[in-house]
Protein backbone atom coordinates (compact mmCIF):
# COMPACT_ATOMS: atom_id res chain seq x y z
CA MET A 1 -37.60 49.89 -117.52
CA ASN A 2 -37.00 46.30 -116.14
CA GLN A 3 -40.24 45.35 -117.35
CA GLY A 4 -39.52 46.81 -120.78
CA LYS A 5 -36.16 45.11 -120.92
CA SER A 6 -37.65 41.90 -120.19
CA LEU A 7 -40.51 42.18 -122.71
CA GLN A 8 -37.81 43.07 -125.54
CA GLN A 9 -35.75 40.06 -124.58
CA ARG A 10 -38.96 37.77 -124.95
CA VAL A 11 -39.99 39.20 -128.27
CA PRO A 12 -37.17 40.29 -130.33
CA PHE A 13 -39.51 41.81 -132.98
CA LEU A 14 -40.81 44.44 -130.22
CA SER A 15 -37.28 45.09 -129.31
CA PHE A 16 -36.58 46.37 -133.01
CA LEU A 17 -39.69 48.16 -133.19
CA PHE A 18 -38.88 50.04 -129.87
CA LEU A 19 -35.31 50.76 -131.06
CA PHE A 20 -36.82 52.09 -134.51
CA MET A 21 -39.28 54.04 -133.02
CA MET A 22 -36.87 55.83 -130.39
CA ALA A 23 -34.38 56.60 -133.29
CA CYS A 24 -37.23 58.16 -135.26
CA PHE A 25 -38.47 60.26 -132.34
CA ILE A 26 -36.38 63.70 -132.46
CA GLY A 27 -37.00 66.68 -130.50
CA GLY A 28 -40.84 65.77 -129.62
CA THR A 29 -41.77 65.23 -133.17
CA SER A 30 -41.17 62.26 -135.27
CA ALA A 31 -38.98 61.90 -138.30
CA SER A 32 -39.96 59.74 -141.28
CA ALA A 33 -37.41 57.04 -142.58
CA ALA A 34 -37.15 59.03 -145.64
CA SER A 35 -36.53 62.42 -144.01
CA GLN A 36 -33.32 64.30 -144.43
CA LYS A 37 -31.48 66.66 -141.74
CA LEU A 38 -31.15 70.18 -143.10
CA THR A 39 -28.45 72.04 -141.31
CA ASN A 40 -28.37 75.79 -140.92
CA ASP A 41 -25.67 78.21 -139.86
CA VAL A 42 -22.86 76.58 -141.93
CA PHE A 43 -21.63 76.77 -145.51
CA TRP A 44 -23.71 74.24 -147.58
CA LYS A 45 -21.97 71.75 -149.72
CA ASP A 46 -23.34 69.99 -152.81
CA THR A 47 -22.87 66.16 -153.34
CA SER A 48 -19.46 66.57 -154.64
CA GLY A 49 -18.41 68.62 -151.29
CA ASN A 50 -18.04 71.79 -153.15
CA PRO A 51 -19.70 74.98 -151.62
CA ILE A 52 -23.14 75.89 -152.84
CA TYR A 53 -23.09 79.19 -154.53
CA SER A 54 -26.56 80.22 -154.82
CA GLN A 55 -28.12 83.64 -153.64
CA GLY A 56 -31.06 85.69 -154.55
CA GLY A 57 -32.40 82.89 -156.39
CA GLY A 58 -35.49 80.55 -156.89
CA VAL A 59 -36.56 76.93 -157.05
CA LEU A 60 -38.53 75.17 -159.82
CA LYS A 61 -39.88 71.68 -159.42
CA VAL A 62 -39.94 69.59 -162.48
CA GLY A 63 -41.51 66.30 -161.76
CA SER A 64 -40.25 64.80 -158.50
CA LYS A 65 -36.86 67.03 -158.89
CA TYR A 66 -36.28 70.34 -157.63
CA TYR A 67 -34.02 72.79 -159.34
CA TRP A 68 -32.37 75.70 -157.69
CA TYR A 69 -31.14 78.63 -159.60
CA GLY A 70 -29.10 81.70 -158.14
CA VAL A 71 -26.10 83.80 -158.49
CA LYS A 72 -22.55 82.99 -157.64
CA TYR A 73 -21.01 86.31 -156.68
CA ASN A 74 -17.10 86.77 -156.43
CA GLY A 75 -17.12 88.14 -153.02
CA ALA A 76 -19.17 85.20 -151.95
CA VAL A 77 -15.94 83.04 -152.82
CA THR A 78 -13.86 85.25 -150.98
CA TYR A 79 -16.08 85.16 -147.91
CA TYR A 80 -16.06 81.28 -148.06
CA ASN A 81 -12.25 81.16 -148.06
CA ASN A 82 -12.03 83.89 -145.35
CA PRO A 83 -15.22 84.19 -143.13
CA THR A 84 -13.81 86.83 -141.09
CA SER A 85 -13.12 89.23 -143.94
CA LEU A 86 -15.64 91.57 -144.69
CA ASN A 87 -15.86 92.47 -148.30
CA SER A 88 -18.79 94.11 -150.76
CA ASP A 89 -17.97 92.41 -153.98
CA ALA A 90 -21.15 91.79 -155.86
CA SER A 91 -19.48 91.47 -159.13
CA PHE A 92 -21.30 88.72 -161.09
CA ASN A 93 -19.60 85.26 -161.63
CA ALA A 94 -22.38 83.00 -162.89
CA ILE A 95 -25.87 81.85 -162.34
CA THR A 96 -25.74 78.38 -161.02
CA CYS A 97 -28.04 75.38 -161.28
CA TYR A 98 -28.26 72.32 -158.46
CA SER A 99 -30.81 69.71 -158.40
CA SER A 100 -32.27 67.64 -155.71
CA THR A 101 -35.09 65.31 -154.93
CA ASP A 102 -34.99 65.71 -151.13
CA LEU A 103 -34.19 69.40 -150.84
CA VAL A 104 -31.05 68.66 -148.66
CA ASN A 105 -28.47 66.93 -151.03
CA TRP A 106 -28.07 69.23 -154.04
CA LYS A 107 -26.00 67.96 -157.30
CA PHE A 108 -24.24 70.68 -159.06
CA GLU A 109 -25.72 70.70 -162.63
CA GLY A 110 -23.25 73.46 -163.77
CA ASN A 111 -23.06 77.35 -164.42
CA VAL A 112 -26.19 77.84 -166.66
CA VAL A 113 -24.87 81.42 -167.40
CA THR A 114 -21.38 82.51 -167.21
CA ALA A 115 -19.80 86.02 -166.75
CA ALA A 116 -18.11 87.50 -169.70
CA SER A 117 -15.22 90.08 -169.54
CA ASP A 118 -15.44 91.31 -173.18
CA GLY A 119 -18.07 93.81 -173.22
CA SER A 120 -20.67 91.40 -174.45
CA THR A 121 -24.20 90.55 -173.09
CA TRP A 122 -23.08 88.84 -169.87
CA ASP A 123 -20.24 91.41 -168.95
CA THR A 124 -22.62 93.01 -166.65
CA ASP A 125 -22.54 95.62 -163.68
CA TRP A 126 -25.26 93.46 -161.80
CA VAL A 127 -27.23 90.26 -162.21
CA GLY A 128 -29.60 89.09 -159.38
CA ARG A 129 -32.98 87.95 -158.10
CA ILE A 130 -33.22 84.92 -160.47
CA GLY A 131 -36.69 83.20 -160.96
CA ALA A 132 -37.55 80.26 -163.41
CA ALA A 133 -40.51 78.86 -165.24
CA TYR A 134 -41.55 76.41 -167.74
CA ASN A 135 -43.62 77.49 -170.57
CA SER A 136 -45.51 74.67 -171.97
CA THR A 137 -46.42 76.24 -175.17
CA THR A 138 -42.78 76.72 -176.48
CA GLN A 139 -41.24 73.64 -174.36
CA LYS A 140 -38.91 76.07 -172.91
CA TYR A 141 -37.23 76.95 -169.46
CA VAL A 142 -36.90 80.49 -168.89
CA LEU A 143 -34.91 82.40 -166.44
CA VAL A 144 -36.00 85.91 -165.36
CA MET A 145 -33.63 88.11 -163.53
CA GLN A 146 -32.66 91.78 -162.61
CA TYR A 147 -29.90 92.73 -165.29
CA GLN A 148 -27.57 95.84 -165.48
CA GLY A 149 -25.16 95.63 -168.52
CA PRO A 150 -24.36 96.45 -172.15
CA ASN A 151 -27.99 95.74 -173.13
CA GLY A 152 -29.48 98.26 -170.63
CA LYS A 153 -31.08 98.21 -167.10
CA GLY A 154 -34.18 95.99 -166.58
CA THR A 155 -35.61 92.60 -166.36
CA ALA A 156 -33.76 90.18 -168.52
CA PHE A 157 -34.83 86.84 -170.10
CA ALA A 158 -32.89 83.67 -171.00
CA THR A 159 -34.20 80.17 -172.31
CA SER A 160 -33.26 76.57 -172.59
CA SER A 161 -34.88 73.23 -173.68
CA THR A 162 -33.69 71.67 -170.46
CA PRO A 163 -33.67 72.71 -166.94
CA THR A 164 -29.94 72.25 -166.66
CA GLY A 165 -29.09 74.88 -169.52
CA ALA A 166 -27.00 76.21 -170.88
CA PHE A 167 -29.39 79.30 -170.80
CA THR A 168 -29.42 81.61 -173.99
CA TYR A 169 -29.91 85.21 -173.65
CA ASP A 170 -33.21 86.59 -175.21
CA HIS A 171 -33.60 90.32 -174.24
CA VAL A 172 -33.85 92.92 -171.54
CA GLN A 173 -37.24 94.60 -170.78
CA THR A 174 -36.30 98.04 -169.70
CA THR A 175 -40.09 99.35 -168.81
CA ILE A 176 -43.07 97.48 -167.06
CA THR A 177 -46.02 99.39 -167.64
CA ASN A 178 -47.91 100.75 -164.71
CA VAL A 179 -44.87 100.68 -162.46
CA VAL A 180 -43.37 103.89 -160.69
CA ASN A 181 -39.69 104.23 -162.38
CA ASP A 182 -40.23 101.75 -164.78
CA ARG A 183 -38.35 98.76 -163.32
CA THR A 184 -38.11 96.26 -160.43
CA GLY A 185 -36.51 96.90 -157.24
CA ASP A 186 -36.43 93.21 -155.96
CA GLN A 187 -38.15 90.62 -157.85
CA ALA A 188 -39.26 87.06 -157.70
CA VAL A 189 -40.98 84.50 -160.22
CA PHE A 190 -43.94 82.94 -158.67
CA ASN A 191 -45.34 79.45 -160.43
CA ASP A 192 -49.16 79.04 -159.51
CA ASP A 193 -50.52 75.60 -159.33
CA ASP A 194 -52.49 76.52 -162.50
CA GLY A 195 -49.71 76.64 -164.57
CA LYS A 196 -49.42 80.35 -164.93
CA ALA A 197 -46.45 82.46 -163.90
CA TYR A 198 -45.88 85.70 -162.36
CA LEU A 199 -43.42 88.36 -161.43
CA VAL A 200 -43.82 89.88 -157.79
CA PHE A 201 -41.76 93.14 -157.20
CA SER A 202 -41.21 96.32 -155.87
CA ASN A 203 -40.40 99.34 -158.02
CA ALA A 204 -36.86 100.45 -158.57
CA GLY A 205 -36.15 103.95 -156.58
CA GLY A 206 -37.86 103.84 -153.22
CA ARG A 207 -39.46 100.47 -153.49
CA ALA A 208 -42.62 101.78 -151.78
CA ASN A 209 -45.13 99.96 -154.12
CA VAL A 210 -45.47 96.39 -154.52
CA TYR A 211 -46.78 94.78 -157.79
CA ILE A 212 -47.76 91.64 -159.49
CA SER A 213 -47.37 90.97 -163.15
CA PRO A 214 -48.16 87.95 -165.34
CA LEU A 215 -45.33 86.74 -167.49
CA ARG A 216 -46.61 86.77 -171.18
CA THR A 217 -48.70 83.49 -171.58
CA SER A 218 -47.31 82.56 -175.06
CA ASP A 219 -43.58 82.57 -174.23
CA TYR A 220 -43.02 84.10 -170.81
CA LEU A 221 -40.68 86.50 -172.30
CA ASN A 222 -42.34 89.64 -171.24
CA VAL A 223 -43.74 91.05 -167.81
CA GLU A 224 -47.08 92.13 -168.85
CA PRO A 225 -48.82 95.45 -167.10
CA ALA A 226 -48.60 95.33 -163.56
CA THR A 227 -51.13 95.66 -160.78
CA GLN A 228 -50.35 97.54 -157.75
CA ILE A 229 -51.06 95.18 -154.81
CA PHE A 230 -49.62 97.24 -151.73
CA ASN A 231 -47.95 100.80 -150.76
CA VAL A 232 -45.67 101.35 -147.87
CA SER A 233 -43.80 104.27 -147.63
CA ALA A 234 -40.86 102.53 -145.96
CA GLY A 235 -40.35 100.43 -148.82
CA ARG A 236 -39.79 96.70 -148.87
CA GLU A 237 -37.14 94.44 -150.62
CA GLY A 238 -36.32 90.83 -151.05
CA ASN A 239 -39.95 90.32 -152.31
CA ALA A 240 -41.28 86.82 -152.79
CA MET A 241 -44.47 84.91 -153.13
CA PHE A 242 -46.16 81.73 -152.12
CA LYS A 243 -49.51 80.01 -151.84
CA TYR A 244 -51.02 77.94 -148.95
CA ASN A 245 -54.38 76.42 -148.75
CA GLY A 246 -55.68 78.62 -151.44
CA VAL A 247 -54.34 82.06 -149.91
CA TYR A 248 -51.59 84.04 -151.63
CA TYR A 249 -48.81 85.73 -149.44
CA VAL A 250 -46.49 88.28 -150.63
CA CYS A 251 -43.75 88.95 -148.39
CA GLY A 252 -40.50 91.16 -148.04
CA SER A 253 -38.24 92.78 -145.80
CA ASP A 254 -37.03 95.99 -144.65
CA LEU A 255 -34.47 98.15 -146.53
CA HIS A 256 -31.71 97.11 -144.58
CA GLY A 257 -28.96 97.13 -147.53
CA TRP A 258 -28.71 93.12 -147.36
CA ASN A 259 -28.94 92.89 -144.03
CA ALA A 260 -31.12 90.88 -141.81
CA SER A 261 -34.69 91.80 -141.32
CA GLN A 262 -37.92 90.73 -139.87
CA THR A 263 -40.27 89.46 -142.64
CA TYR A 264 -43.43 91.37 -143.57
CA CYS A 265 -46.46 89.89 -145.36
CA ILE A 266 -49.78 90.62 -146.86
CA SER A 267 -52.20 87.95 -148.06
CA SER A 268 -55.39 87.44 -150.35
CA THR A 269 -57.46 84.73 -151.80
CA ASN A 270 -56.89 86.32 -155.32
CA ILE A 271 -53.64 86.86 -156.50
CA TYR A 272 -54.33 90.60 -157.74
CA GLY A 273 -55.94 91.30 -154.53
CA PRO A 274 -57.42 93.10 -152.51
CA TYR A 275 -54.68 92.16 -149.88
CA SER A 276 -54.77 92.28 -146.32
CA SER A 277 -53.07 94.91 -143.98
CA GLU A 278 -49.39 94.33 -143.54
CA PHE A 279 -48.13 91.96 -140.62
CA VAL A 280 -44.96 90.68 -139.50
CA MET A 281 -44.62 86.91 -139.94
CA GLY A 282 -44.74 85.12 -136.59
CA ASN A 283 -41.39 84.83 -134.90
CA THR A 284 -39.27 86.72 -137.46
CA ASN A 285 -38.90 89.69 -135.08
CA LYS A 286 -37.20 87.23 -132.51
CA ASP A 287 -33.98 86.83 -134.73
CA PHE A 288 -34.62 88.65 -137.85
CA SER A 289 -35.97 85.66 -139.71
CA HIS A 290 -32.86 83.61 -138.59
CA VAL A 291 -30.55 86.50 -139.37
CA THR A 292 -31.71 86.74 -143.07
CA GLN A 293 -33.36 88.70 -145.80
CA THR A 294 -36.42 87.28 -147.51
CA GLY A 295 -35.14 85.12 -150.66
CA LEU A 296 -37.72 82.49 -151.86
CA PHE A 297 -40.25 80.14 -150.76
CA VAL A 298 -40.44 76.30 -151.59
CA ASN A 299 -43.98 74.62 -151.79
CA VAL A 300 -43.04 71.22 -150.46
CA GLN A 301 -46.36 69.19 -151.43
CA GLY A 302 -46.36 65.38 -150.56
CA THR A 303 -48.35 62.20 -149.76
CA ALA A 304 -48.96 63.43 -146.19
CA GLY A 305 -49.11 67.29 -146.35
CA THR A 306 -47.72 70.29 -147.55
CA THR A 307 -44.68 72.42 -146.06
CA ILE A 308 -43.66 75.89 -147.09
CA LEU A 309 -39.86 76.46 -146.62
CA PHE A 310 -38.70 79.99 -146.32
CA GLY A 311 -35.37 80.29 -147.94
CA GLY A 312 -33.67 83.37 -146.48
CA ASP A 313 -30.48 85.02 -147.80
CA ARG A 314 -27.58 85.73 -145.67
CA TRP A 315 -25.66 88.54 -147.58
CA SER A 316 -24.59 91.02 -144.99
CA ASP A 317 -21.75 91.93 -147.77
CA PHE A 318 -20.69 88.43 -147.43
CA ALA A 319 -19.30 88.60 -144.04
CA GLY A 320 -20.57 88.86 -140.32
CA ASN A 321 -23.99 88.33 -138.98
CA GLY A 322 -23.70 84.51 -139.27
CA ILE A 323 -21.94 81.90 -141.08
CA GLY A 324 -23.30 80.48 -144.46
CA TYR A 325 -25.13 82.00 -147.41
CA ASN A 326 -28.56 79.97 -147.11
CA GLN A 327 -30.99 79.41 -144.29
CA TRP A 328 -34.04 77.52 -144.72
CA MET A 329 -36.85 77.23 -142.15
CA PRO A 330 -40.32 75.61 -142.24
CA LEU A 331 -43.28 77.76 -141.67
CA SER A 332 -46.27 76.67 -139.44
CA PHE A 333 -49.95 77.97 -139.88
CA ASN A 334 -52.50 79.13 -137.35
CA GLY A 335 -55.39 79.40 -139.55
CA THR A 336 -54.11 81.87 -142.42
CA THR A 337 -51.44 83.36 -140.35
CA PRO A 338 -47.74 81.88 -141.01
CA SER A 339 -45.19 81.92 -138.37
CA MET A 340 -41.48 80.69 -139.03
CA ASN A 341 -39.83 78.08 -137.06
CA SER A 342 -36.33 79.44 -136.35
CA LEU A 343 -34.26 76.27 -136.38
CA SER A 344 -30.59 75.33 -136.73
CA GLU A 345 -31.42 71.72 -137.67
CA PHE A 346 -34.67 70.20 -138.79
CA ASN A 347 -35.76 67.01 -140.73
CA ILE A 348 -37.54 67.39 -143.95
CA ASP A 349 -39.44 64.72 -146.15
CA ALA A 350 -40.03 65.91 -149.49
CA ALA A 351 -42.09 62.71 -150.40
CA THR A 352 -44.55 63.14 -147.57
CA GLY A 353 -44.24 67.00 -147.40
CA THR A 354 -43.77 66.89 -143.47
CA TRP A 355 -40.90 68.22 -141.39
CA SER A 356 -39.80 67.62 -137.71
CA THR A 357 -37.29 69.30 -135.23
CA SER A 358 -33.96 67.62 -135.37
CA SER A 359 -32.21 66.28 -132.24
CA GLY A 360 -29.27 68.57 -132.58
CA ASN A 361 -31.37 71.87 -132.90
CA ASN A 362 -30.22 74.94 -131.00
CA TYR A 363 -33.37 76.46 -129.32
CA VAL A 364 -31.75 79.86 -128.56
CA LEU A 365 -32.76 82.56 -130.87
CA ASN A 366 -30.09 85.02 -132.11
CA PRO A 367 -27.66 83.04 -130.22
CA SER A 368 -24.59 85.02 -131.31
CA TYR A 369 -26.20 88.48 -131.30
CA GLU A 370 -25.56 88.81 -134.88
CA ALA A 371 -29.19 89.72 -135.99
CA ASP A 372 -29.22 93.16 -134.97
CA ARG A 373 -26.40 94.36 -137.42
CA VAL A 374 -25.31 97.51 -135.37
CA SER A 375 -24.31 98.71 -132.06
CA GLN A 376 -27.09 98.94 -129.41
CA ASN A 377 -28.61 97.87 -125.98
CA SER A 378 -31.79 96.20 -126.88
CA LEU A 379 -30.96 92.94 -129.07
CA ALA A 380 -33.46 90.77 -130.90
CA GLY A 381 -34.83 87.92 -128.98
CA TRP A 382 -33.19 89.07 -125.63
CA GLN A 383 -34.63 91.14 -122.90
CA THR A 384 -32.68 93.07 -120.34
CA TRP A 385 -32.86 94.54 -116.72
CA THR A 386 -30.79 96.77 -114.74
CA ASN A 387 -30.93 98.94 -111.71
CA ALA A 388 -28.51 101.58 -113.29
CA SER A 389 -29.76 104.78 -114.99
CA THR A 390 -27.62 103.87 -118.20
CA ASN A 391 -28.14 100.48 -119.46
CA PRO A 392 -25.00 98.32 -118.82
CA ASN A 393 -26.09 95.84 -121.57
CA ALA A 394 -24.83 96.21 -124.87
CA ASN A 395 -23.38 94.33 -127.97
CA VAL A 396 -20.04 95.13 -129.00
CA LEU A 397 -17.73 94.07 -131.92
CA GLY A 398 -15.29 91.06 -131.69
CA GLY A 399 -17.40 88.06 -130.96
CA HIS A 400 -16.37 84.68 -130.27
CA SER A 401 -17.74 84.06 -134.04
CA GLY A 402 -18.96 86.61 -136.22
CA ARG A 403 -19.00 90.04 -135.71
CA TRP A 404 -20.79 90.81 -132.43
CA ALA A 405 -21.05 89.47 -128.74
CA ALA A 406 -23.13 90.80 -125.86
CA LYS A 407 -21.40 92.50 -123.12
CA GLN A 408 -22.36 94.08 -119.42
CA THR A 409 -20.14 96.76 -118.34
CA GLY A 410 -20.63 100.37 -116.79
CA SER A 411 -18.95 103.57 -115.57
CA ALA A 412 -20.69 103.29 -112.39
CA ALA A 413 -21.69 100.41 -109.99
CA TYR A 414 -24.42 98.44 -111.57
CA SER A 415 -26.50 95.20 -111.49
CA ALA A 416 -27.91 93.78 -114.83
CA THR A 417 -29.34 90.85 -116.68
CA ARG A 418 -29.74 90.12 -120.11
CA TYR A 419 -32.10 86.98 -120.48
CA GLN A 420 -34.16 85.01 -123.13
CA ASP A 421 -37.21 83.11 -122.16
CA ILE A 422 -37.76 80.05 -124.50
CA THR A 423 -41.24 78.59 -124.79
CA ASN A 424 -42.92 75.37 -126.42
CA LEU A 425 -39.81 73.21 -125.62
CA PRO A 426 -40.32 69.40 -125.59
CA ASN A 427 -39.94 68.35 -122.30
CA GLY A 428 -36.52 66.45 -121.43
CA THR A 429 -32.90 66.96 -120.36
CA TYR A 430 -30.85 69.79 -122.22
CA THR A 431 -27.35 71.09 -121.87
CA LEU A 432 -26.54 74.74 -122.18
CA LYS A 433 -23.28 75.99 -123.56
CA THR A 434 -21.96 79.59 -124.03
CA TRP A 435 -18.71 81.38 -124.88
CA VAL A 436 -17.54 83.82 -122.07
CA LYS A 437 -14.88 86.41 -121.34
CA SER A 438 -14.57 88.44 -118.06
CA SER A 439 -12.58 91.31 -116.42
CA GLY A 440 -13.25 89.57 -113.04
CA GLY A 441 -13.78 91.57 -109.82
CA GLN A 442 -17.61 91.63 -109.87
CA THR A 443 -19.34 90.96 -106.52
CA SER A 444 -21.21 88.33 -108.75
CA ALA A 445 -21.30 87.46 -112.22
CA TYR A 446 -22.79 84.25 -113.69
CA ILE A 447 -24.80 82.48 -116.36
CA TYR A 448 -28.09 80.98 -115.16
CA VAL A 449 -30.91 78.87 -116.19
CA SER A 450 -34.40 78.85 -114.42
CA ASN A 451 -37.93 78.69 -114.80
CA TYR A 452 -37.67 75.24 -116.36
CA GLY A 453 -39.43 73.20 -113.66
CA GLY A 454 -36.32 72.78 -111.50
CA SER A 455 -33.99 74.83 -109.07
CA GLU A 456 -31.73 77.21 -110.46
CA LEU A 457 -28.53 76.41 -111.95
CA ARG A 458 -25.46 78.74 -112.19
CA TYR A 459 -21.95 78.78 -113.42
CA ASN A 460 -19.94 81.67 -111.94
CA VAL A 461 -17.91 83.98 -114.38
CA ASN A 462 -16.86 86.65 -111.83
CA SER A 463 -13.08 85.58 -112.23
CA VAL A 464 -10.67 86.71 -114.86
CA ILE A 465 -11.38 84.94 -118.26
CA SER A 466 -9.12 86.89 -120.65
CA SER A 467 -9.83 84.70 -123.70
CA TRP A 468 -13.02 83.12 -124.94
CA MET A 469 -13.91 80.11 -122.94
CA GLN A 470 -16.87 77.74 -123.16
CA ILE A 471 -18.76 77.05 -120.19
CA THR A 472 -21.53 74.19 -119.88
CA ILE A 473 -24.50 73.77 -117.61
CA PRO A 474 -25.72 70.03 -117.98
CA ASN A 475 -28.75 68.04 -116.85
CA ILE A 476 -31.41 70.81 -117.10
CA ASN A 477 -34.48 68.82 -116.76
CA VAL A 478 -37.28 70.75 -118.42
CA THR A 479 -40.74 69.62 -117.15
CA ASN A 480 -42.96 72.58 -117.95
CA GLY A 481 -42.00 73.31 -121.74
CA SER A 482 -39.89 76.38 -121.01
CA VAL A 483 -36.54 77.67 -119.50
CA ARG A 484 -34.94 81.12 -118.77
CA ILE A 485 -31.29 81.58 -119.89
CA ALA A 486 -29.38 84.57 -118.58
CA LEU A 487 -26.19 86.44 -118.04
CA TYR A 488 -26.48 88.15 -114.65
CA SER A 489 -23.79 90.79 -112.84
CA VAL A 490 -23.48 92.63 -109.82
CA ALA A 491 -20.50 94.74 -110.67
CA ASN A 492 -18.35 97.71 -109.93
CA ALA A 493 -17.35 100.40 -112.18
CA GLY A 494 -15.15 99.02 -115.03
CA ASN A 495 -15.91 95.61 -114.48
CA TRP A 496 -17.22 93.79 -117.65
CA VAL A 497 -18.29 90.38 -119.07
CA SER A 498 -19.08 89.32 -122.40
CA ALA A 499 -20.97 86.24 -123.64
CA ASP A 500 -21.44 84.74 -127.26
CA ASP A 501 -22.60 81.76 -129.16
CA TRP A 502 -25.30 80.31 -126.73
CA SER A 503 -26.46 76.61 -127.37
CA LEU A 504 -29.37 74.97 -125.50
CA ILE A 505 -29.58 71.39 -126.90
CA LYS A 506 -31.80 68.53 -126.02
CA ASN A 507 -29.84 65.29 -124.96
């Protein structure tokens, strides 16, 4: 270090270069000067500082600008104002439009469709799953959406001469040829790189069949006869499509009623198939797609590469299962197999089409136990051990944040561990934090860190901690690219300890 410091003193330019490179080196990867930091697990704000209300939507790129269309639901506003209050208000407020050149800073362009309350077209029971396309023949921008209202049930179309609207209602198509039950379950618009536009969707009522249909070439104002590309008895929703290196991917979620799900995919080199067997997108089973349901994909093609962004909707009836409505993550590919990088923070450079992990990223998956949706012992991303006949590890309502927390307790004496092995970590020094409560009285109870290339580090929690308290284990010098974090107890009957909101961040 003394030699490096001496060199910088002798050569000011090298000092500047050194500091610049260190500033750009983030989490083991480098961030370009034009990159922007995208932060998940928060309520996103537009460039005016107002909440971004855009769910069940799609993104259309026009020139160098991205336009993001989605729905503002009245229950989403209620949730923003009180994130601890569960509500199921999916009543329609507006279709919103936001624009951005960097995919992080979004300008609110306005409500391109606004709800009515007079029995007219937009006095609806449901509007959702918005997609957009541009028809070069009519020179019109077209919104395609699910619709239930005065004009029937089906796929509705609206048009505008500009991407920012307002959009004018055209009609509702109530039947799609070759589709079971005539209408779509969940749907998304896919714009291919040859200029053609398609609708990908599952059928209404059961959703066991997945289809691809072209939009009518002349004006995009009709869904043409469908081709069935997949059938699965369990059904799929949240259907969306992307293309990468000449391969088409159709992805969807479990039928979990807007709750989080791992992401299922099929792939083909032809948009109409045949498609591969269904597979689970890599890493999405570890925290149920960063506690989201499949919503949209954004193709970020730049001068240095192409990044596919997974856009997950965090519905959960607008409360619980994590903070925020929108969670976007970059995908990685091993050949033709995609995997999700479940990140709380990352840098995206829309100009170069590249991304990197941000220095503030939390490497713990399912850190607040919100992915699992229901009370159970086995939690996504975590493993357990016990010597008891009944597993003392569970999740319980009443977390430090969100709805859930992990808890160890038993009606008889027990030993138990809940742990997560984190791999592919950039080597360096980390800090672990988590929130805990404890009854006290355990023979031993502690948070520990191990398997990182150094001695095990512990923080004892076997004393009475009656309200949530954050504990910290600093100076975790990872030298082997991995770490285990855990909660461990040797306890008597009736003892308990809870943990929630873990974070492991590189210093």
